[in-house]
Amino acid sequence: MNDPLLKLLQRKARYTNEELAEALSLTPAEVSQQIAAWEEDGTIRGYQAVIDDEKTADFGVSAFIEVKVTPERGGGFDRLAKRVARFDQVDSCYLASGGYDLMVVVEGKDLREVAQFVSEKLSSLDGVLSTATHFRLKAYKEKGFIFESEEPEGRLPVTP
């Protein structure tokens, strides 16, 4: 991403048009017009807050699922990936390089709900060869935001 306005919006979408204009030597009207154009053409898909689940007592689970699939003749991975992405449980779905084809991020209320999604919906799709599920244990950084305050570096205390 080369556009400085998009970079600022991605870092903090709550900047006012005046703050953005001042930072980029533009007028607030120019900023507003450019943002409206990006929203219209789909460059900006939406806005969201980054939430620290530990502070909200949201004890749901997130899983990263590696999915190996058989590419379709003439369509590659697209049709199956779009089908996977439409499930309500799926937060994100990416085509990936390496030992698997799709990286699917799933949200659920507990481990059982995610396991049920994988076994009953994802694995049963035609074209899905295998899955490997990894559960998120703790978030340290997400979308550029660090979740824990920086502790001063130094030696760890030693007790006998």
C-alpha atoms as a PDB file:
ATOM      1  CA  MET A   1       0.000   0.000   0.000  1.00  0.00           C
ATOM      2  CA  ASN A   2       1.637   3.182  -1.186  1.00  0.00           C
ATOM      3  CA  ASP A   3      -1.002   5.789  -0.435  1.00  0.00           C
ATOM      4  CA  PRO A   4      -0.227   7.692   2.796  1.00  0.00           C
ATOM      5  CA  LEU A   5      -3.917   8.435   3.431  1.00  0.00           C
ATOM      6  CA  LEU A   6      -4.804   4.740   3.296  1.00  0.00           C
ATOM      7  CA  LYS A   7      -1.905   3.951   5.648  1.00  0.00           C
ATOM      8  CA  LEU A   8      -3.148   6.482   8.205  1.00  0.00           C
ATOM      9  CA  LEU A   9      -6.717   5.198   7.968  1.00  0.00           C
ATOM     10  CA  GLN A  10      -5.548   1.623   8.407  1.00  0.00           C
ATOM     11  CA  ARG A  11      -3.570   2.578  11.500  1.00  0.00           C
ATOM     12  CA  LYS A  12      -6.429   4.550  13.066  1.00  0.00           C
ATOM     13  CA  ALA A  13      -9.755   4.942  11.265  1.00  0.00           C
ATOM     14  CA  ARG A  14     -11.023   7.437  13.837  1.00  0.00           C
ATOM     15  CA  TYR A  15      -8.833  10.311  12.688  1.00  0.00           C
ATOM     16  CA  THR A  16     -10.979  13.284  11.721  1.00  0.00           C
ATOM     17  CA  ASN A  17     -10.756  14.562   8.175  1.00  0.00           C
ATOM     18  CA  GLU A  18      -9.122  17.675   9.604  1.00  0.00           C
ATOM     19  CA  GLU A  19      -6.404  15.621  11.337  1.00  0.00           C
ATOM     20  CA  LEU A  20      -5.774  13.614   8.175  1.00  0.00           C
ATOM     21  CA  ALA A  21      -5.671  16.735   6.030  1.00  0.00           C
ATOM     22  CA  GLU A  22      -3.179  18.426   8.345  1.00  0.00           C
ATOM     23  CA  ALA A  23      -0.914  15.371   8.444  1.00  0.00           C
ATOM     24  CA  LEU A  24      -0.888  15.085   4.642  1.00  0.00           C
ATOM     25  CA  SER A  25      -0.985  18.765   3.599  1.00  0.00           C
ATOM     26  CA  LEU A  26      -4.429  18.372   2.041  1.00  0.00           C
ATOM     27  CA  THR A  27      -7.747  20.081   2.633  1.00  0.00           C
ATOM     28  CA  PRO A  28     -10.445  18.326   4.684  1.00  0.00           C
ATOM     29  CA  ALA A  29     -12.639  18.400   1.545  1.00  0.00           C
ATOM     30  CA  GLU A  30      -9.957  16.561  -0.476  1.00  0.00           C
ATOM     31  CA  VAL A  31      -9.654  13.928   2.260  1.00  0.00           C
ATOM     32  CA  SER A  32     -13.418  13.490   2.485  1.00  0.00           C
ATOM     33  CA  GLN A  33     -13.750  13.214  -1.287  1.00  0.00           C
ATOM     34  CA  GLN A  34     -10.963  10.610  -1.551  1.00  0.00           C
ATOM     35  CA  ILE A  35     -12.359   8.494   1.304  1.00  0.00           C
ATOM     36  CA  ALA A  36     -15.848   8.603  -0.254  1.00  0.00           C
ATOM     37  CA  ALA A  37     -14.393   7.483  -3.601  1.00  0.00           C
ATOM     38  CA  TRP A  38     -12.549   4.574  -1.955  1.00  0.00           C
ATOM     39  CA  GLU A  39     -15.695   3.506  -0.097  1.00  0.00           C
ATOM     40  CA  GLU A  40     -17.671   3.682  -3.349  1.00  0.00           C
ATOM     41  CA  ASP A  41     -15.199   1.633  -5.419  1.00  0.00           C
ATOM     42  CA  GLY A  42     -14.595  -0.966  -2.675  1.00  0.00           C
ATOM     43  CA  THR A  43     -10.985  -0.037  -1.891  1.00  0.00           C
ATOM     44  CA  ILE A  44     -12.131   0.555   1.701  1.00  0.00           C
ATOM     45  CA  ARG A  45     -14.235  -2.473   2.621  1.00  0.00           C
ATOM     46  CA  GLY A  46     -15.193  -1.346   6.127  1.00  0.00           C
ATOM     47  CA  TYR A  47     -14.004  -0.154   9.501  1.00  0.00           C
ATOM     48  CA  GLN A  48     -13.560  -2.087  12.711  1.00  0.00           C
ATOM     49  CA  ALA A  49     -12.107  -1.829  16.173  1.00  0.00           C
ATOM     50  CA  VAL A  50      -9.349  -4.129  17.446  1.00  0.00           C
ATOM     51  CA  ILE A  51     -10.712  -5.608  20.692  1.00  0.00           C
ATOM     52  CA  ASP A  52      -8.699  -7.138  23.533  1.00  0.00           C
ATOM     53  CA  ASP A  53     -10.825 -10.185  24.393  1.00  0.00           C
ATOM     54  CA  GLU A  54      -9.078 -10.536  27.764  1.00  0.00           C
ATOM     55  CA  LYS A  55     -10.555  -7.195  28.854  1.00  0.00           C
ATOM     56  CA  THR A  56     -14.073  -8.041  27.678  1.00  0.00           C
ATOM     57  CA  ALA A  57     -14.168 -11.490  29.295  1.00  0.00           C
ATOM     58  CA  ASP A  58     -15.026 -12.937  25.885  1.00  0.00           C
ATOM     59  CA  PHE A  59     -13.872 -16.508  26.300  1.00  0.00           C
ATOM     60  CA  GLY A  60     -14.647 -17.672  22.787  1.00  0.00           C
ATOM     61  CA  VAL A  61     -11.946 -19.388  20.767  1.00  0.00           C
ATOM     62  CA  SER A  62     -10.158 -18.646  17.514  1.00  0.00           C
ATOM     63  CA  ALA A  63      -8.667 -21.331  15.336  1.00  0.00           C
ATOM     64  CA  PHE A  64      -6.318 -21.217  12.378  1.00  0.00           C
ATOM     65  CA  ILE A  65      -7.169 -24.061  10.039  1.00  0.00           C
ATOM     66  CA  GLU A  66      -4.809 -25.225   7.304  1.00  0.00           C
ATOM     67  CA  VAL A  67      -6.847 -26.701   4.467  1.00  0.00           C
ATOM     68  CA  LYS A  68      -5.506 -28.784   1.594  1.00  0.00           C
ATOM     69  CA  VAL A  69      -7.841 -28.858  -1.381  1.00  0.00           C
ATOM     70  CA  THR A  70      -8.014 -30.221  -4.897  1.00  0.00           C
ATOM     71  CA  PRO A  71      -7.966 -27.299  -7.339  1.00  0.00           C
ATOM     72  CA  GLU A  72     -10.828 -27.321  -9.844  1.00  0.00           C
ATOM     73  CA  ARG A  73     -10.108 -27.448 -13.556  1.00  0.00           C
ATOM     74  CA  GLY A  74     -10.656 -23.964 -14.951  1.00  0.00           C
ATOM     75  CA  GLY A  75     -11.357 -22.417 -11.559  1.00  0.00           C
ATOM     76  CA  GLY A  76      -8.397 -23.295  -9.388  1.00  0.00           C
ATOM     77  CA  PHE A  77      -9.091 -22.649  -5.723  1.00  0.00           C
ATOM     78  CA  ASP A  78     -11.515 -19.744  -6.084  1.00  0.00           C
ATOM     79  CA  ARG A  79     -14.896 -21.480  -6.068  1.00  0.00           C
ATOM     80  CA  LEU A  80     -14.138 -23.639  -3.026  1.00  0.00           C
ATOM     81  CA  ALA A  81     -12.471 -20.744  -1.164  1.00  0.00           C
ATOM     82  CA  LYS A  82     -15.507 -18.533  -1.759  1.00  0.00           C
ATOM     83  CA  ARG A  83     -17.773 -21.312  -0.505  1.00  0.00           C
ATOM     84  CA  VAL A  84     -15.688 -21.692   2.675  1.00  0.00           C
ATOM     85  CA  ALA A  85     -15.633 -17.908   3.196  1.00  0.00           C
ATOM     86  CA  ARG A  86     -19.452 -17.771   3.250  1.00  0.00           C
ATOM     87  CA  PHE A  87     -19.756 -19.828   6.447  1.00  0.00           C
ATOM     88  CA  ASP A  88     -20.770 -17.662   9.428  1.00  0.00           C
ATOM     89  CA  GLN A  89     -18.034 -19.196  11.603  1.00  0.00           C
ATOM     90  CA  VAL A  90     -15.292 -18.100   9.174  1.00  0.00           C
ATOM     91  CA  ASP A  91     -13.668 -14.789  10.105  1.00  0.00           C
ATOM     92  CA  SER A  92     -11.033 -14.834   7.335  1.00  0.00           C
ATOM     93  CA  CYS A  93     -10.048 -17.084   4.453  1.00  0.00           C
ATOM     94  CA  TYR A  94      -6.785 -16.777   2.515  1.00  0.00           C
ATOM     95  CA  LEU A  95      -5.096 -18.595  -0.349  1.00  0.00           C
ATOM     96  CA  ALA A  96      -1.652 -19.490   1.004  1.00  0.00           C
ATOM     97  CA  SER A  97       1.640 -20.848  -0.219  1.00  0.00           C
ATOM     98  CA  GLY A  98       3.446 -23.768   1.396  1.00  0.00           C
ATOM     99  CA  GLY A  99       2.199 -27.108   2.612  1.00  0.00           C
ATOM    100  CA  TYR A 100      -1.501 -26.243   2.430  1.00  0.00           C
ATOM    101  CA  ASP A 101      -3.749 -24.214   0.136  1.00  0.00           C
ATOM    102  CA  LEU A 102      -6.153 -22.224   2.313  1.00  0.00           C
ATOM    103  CA  MET A 103      -5.690 -20.613   5.732  1.00  0.00           C
ATOM    104  CA  VAL A 104      -9.082 -20.282   7.385  1.00  0.00           C
ATOM    105  CA  VAL A 105      -9.594 -18.321  10.607  1.00  0.00           C
ATOM    106  CA  VAL A 106     -12.643 -19.509  12.538  1.00  0.00           C
ATOM    107  CA  GLU A 107     -14.349 -18.074  15.615  1.00  0.00           C
ATOM    108  CA  GLY A 108     -16.456 -20.158  18.003  1.00  0.00           C
ATOM    109  CA  LYS A 109     -17.861 -20.075  21.520  1.00  0.00           C
ATOM    110  CA  ASP A 110     -15.728 -23.082  22.550  1.00  0.00           C
ATOM    111  CA  LEU A 111     -13.439 -25.840  21.238  1.00  0.00           C
ATOM    112  CA  ARG A 112     -16.355 -28.163  20.617  1.00  0.00           C
ATOM    113  CA  GLU A 113     -18.131 -25.678  18.366  1.00  0.00           C
ATOM    114  CA  VAL A 114     -14.994 -25.194  16.236  1.00  0.00           C
ATOM    115  CA  ALA A 115     -14.390 -28.959  16.094  1.00  0.00           C
ATOM    116  CA  GLN A 116     -17.983 -29.508  15.009  1.00  0.00           C
ATOM    117  CA  PHE A 117     -17.611 -26.881  12.266  1.00  0.00           C
ATOM    118  CA  VAL A 118     -14.432 -28.553  10.979  1.00  0.00           C
ATOM    119  CA  SER A 119     -15.807 -32.080  11.043  1.00  0.00           C
ATOM    120  CA  GLU A 120     -19.355 -31.439   9.832  1.00  0.00           C
ATOM    121  CA  LYS A 121     -19.019 -28.499   7.453  1.00  0.00           C
ATOM    122  CA  LEU A 122     -15.449 -27.845   6.351  1.00  0.00           C
ATOM    123  CA  SER A 123     -14.041 -31.362   6.018  1.00  0.00           C
ATOM    124  CA  SER A 124     -17.163 -32.660   4.313  1.00  0.00           C
ATOM    125  CA  LEU A 125     -16.924 -30.224   1.383  1.00  0.00           C
ATOM    126  CA  ASP A 126     -16.095 -31.822  -1.967  1.00  0.00           C
ATOM    127  CA  GLY A 127     -12.527 -30.937  -2.813  1.00  0.00           C
ATOM    128  CA  VAL A 128     -11.255 -30.683   0.784  1.00  0.00           C
ATOM    129  CA  LEU A 129      -8.460 -33.237   1.170  1.00  0.00           C
ATOM    130  CA  SER A 130      -7.342 -32.530   4.746  1.00  0.00           C
ATOM    131  CA  THR A 131      -7.355 -29.994   7.552  1.00  0.00           C
ATOM    132  CA  ALA A 132      -5.049 -29.149  10.453  1.00  0.00           C
ATOM    133  CA  THR A 133      -6.474 -26.997  13.228  1.00  0.00           C
ATOM    134  CA  HIS A 134      -4.405 -24.740  15.487  1.00  0.00           C
ATOM    135  CA  PHE A 135      -6.065 -22.872  18.350  1.00  0.00           C
ATOM    136  CA  ARG A 136      -5.061 -19.341  19.300  1.00  0.00           C
ATOM    137  CA  LEU A 137      -3.913 -19.353  22.912  1.00  0.00           C
ATOM    138  CA  LYS A 138      -3.024 -15.703  23.461  1.00  0.00           C
ATOM    139  CA  ALA A 139      -2.763 -12.564  21.346  1.00  0.00           C
ATOM    140  CA  TYR A 140       0.342 -10.416  21.692  1.00  0.00           C
ATOM    141  CA  LYS A 141      -0.175  -8.191  18.664  1.00  0.00           C
ATOM    142  CA  GLU A 142      -3.050  -7.837  16.214  1.00  0.00           C
ATOM    143  CA  LYS A 143      -3.444  -5.442  13.285  1.00  0.00           C
ATOM    144  CA  GLY A 144      -0.423  -3.493  14.542  1.00  0.00           C
ATOM    145  CA  PHE A 145      -1.666  -3.132  18.133  1.00  0.00           C
ATOM    146  CA  ILE A 146       0.340  -4.621  21.007  1.00  0.00           C
ATOM    147  CA  PHE A 147      -1.897  -6.022  23.744  1.00  0.00           C
ATOM    148  CA  GLU A 148       0.438  -5.933  26.723  1.00  0.00           C
ATOM    149  CA  SER A 149       2.318  -2.949  28.026  1.00  0.00           C
ATOM    150  CA  GLU A 150       6.028  -3.006  27.410  1.00  0.00           C
ATOM    151  CA  GLU A 151       7.963  -4.276  30.403  1.00  0.00           C
ATOM    152  CA  PRO A 152      11.417  -2.864  30.999  1.00  0.00           C
ATOM    153  CA  GLU A 153      14.123  -5.151  29.738  1.00  0.00           C
ATOM    154  CA  GLY A 154      16.544  -6.435  32.293  1.00  0.00           C
ATOM    155  CA  ARG A 155      17.449  -9.472  34.248  1.00  0.00           C
ATOM    156  CA  LEU A 156      14.727 -11.670  35.604  1.00  0.00           C
ATOM    157  CA  PRO A 157      14.660 -11.952  39.389  1.00  0.00           C
ATOM    158  CA  VAL A 158      16.260 -15.114  40.732  1.00  0.00           C
ATOM    159  CA  THR A 159      14.987 -16.729  43.903  1.00  0.00           C
ATOM    160  CA  PRO A 160      16.605 -19.572  45.783  1.00  0.00           C
END
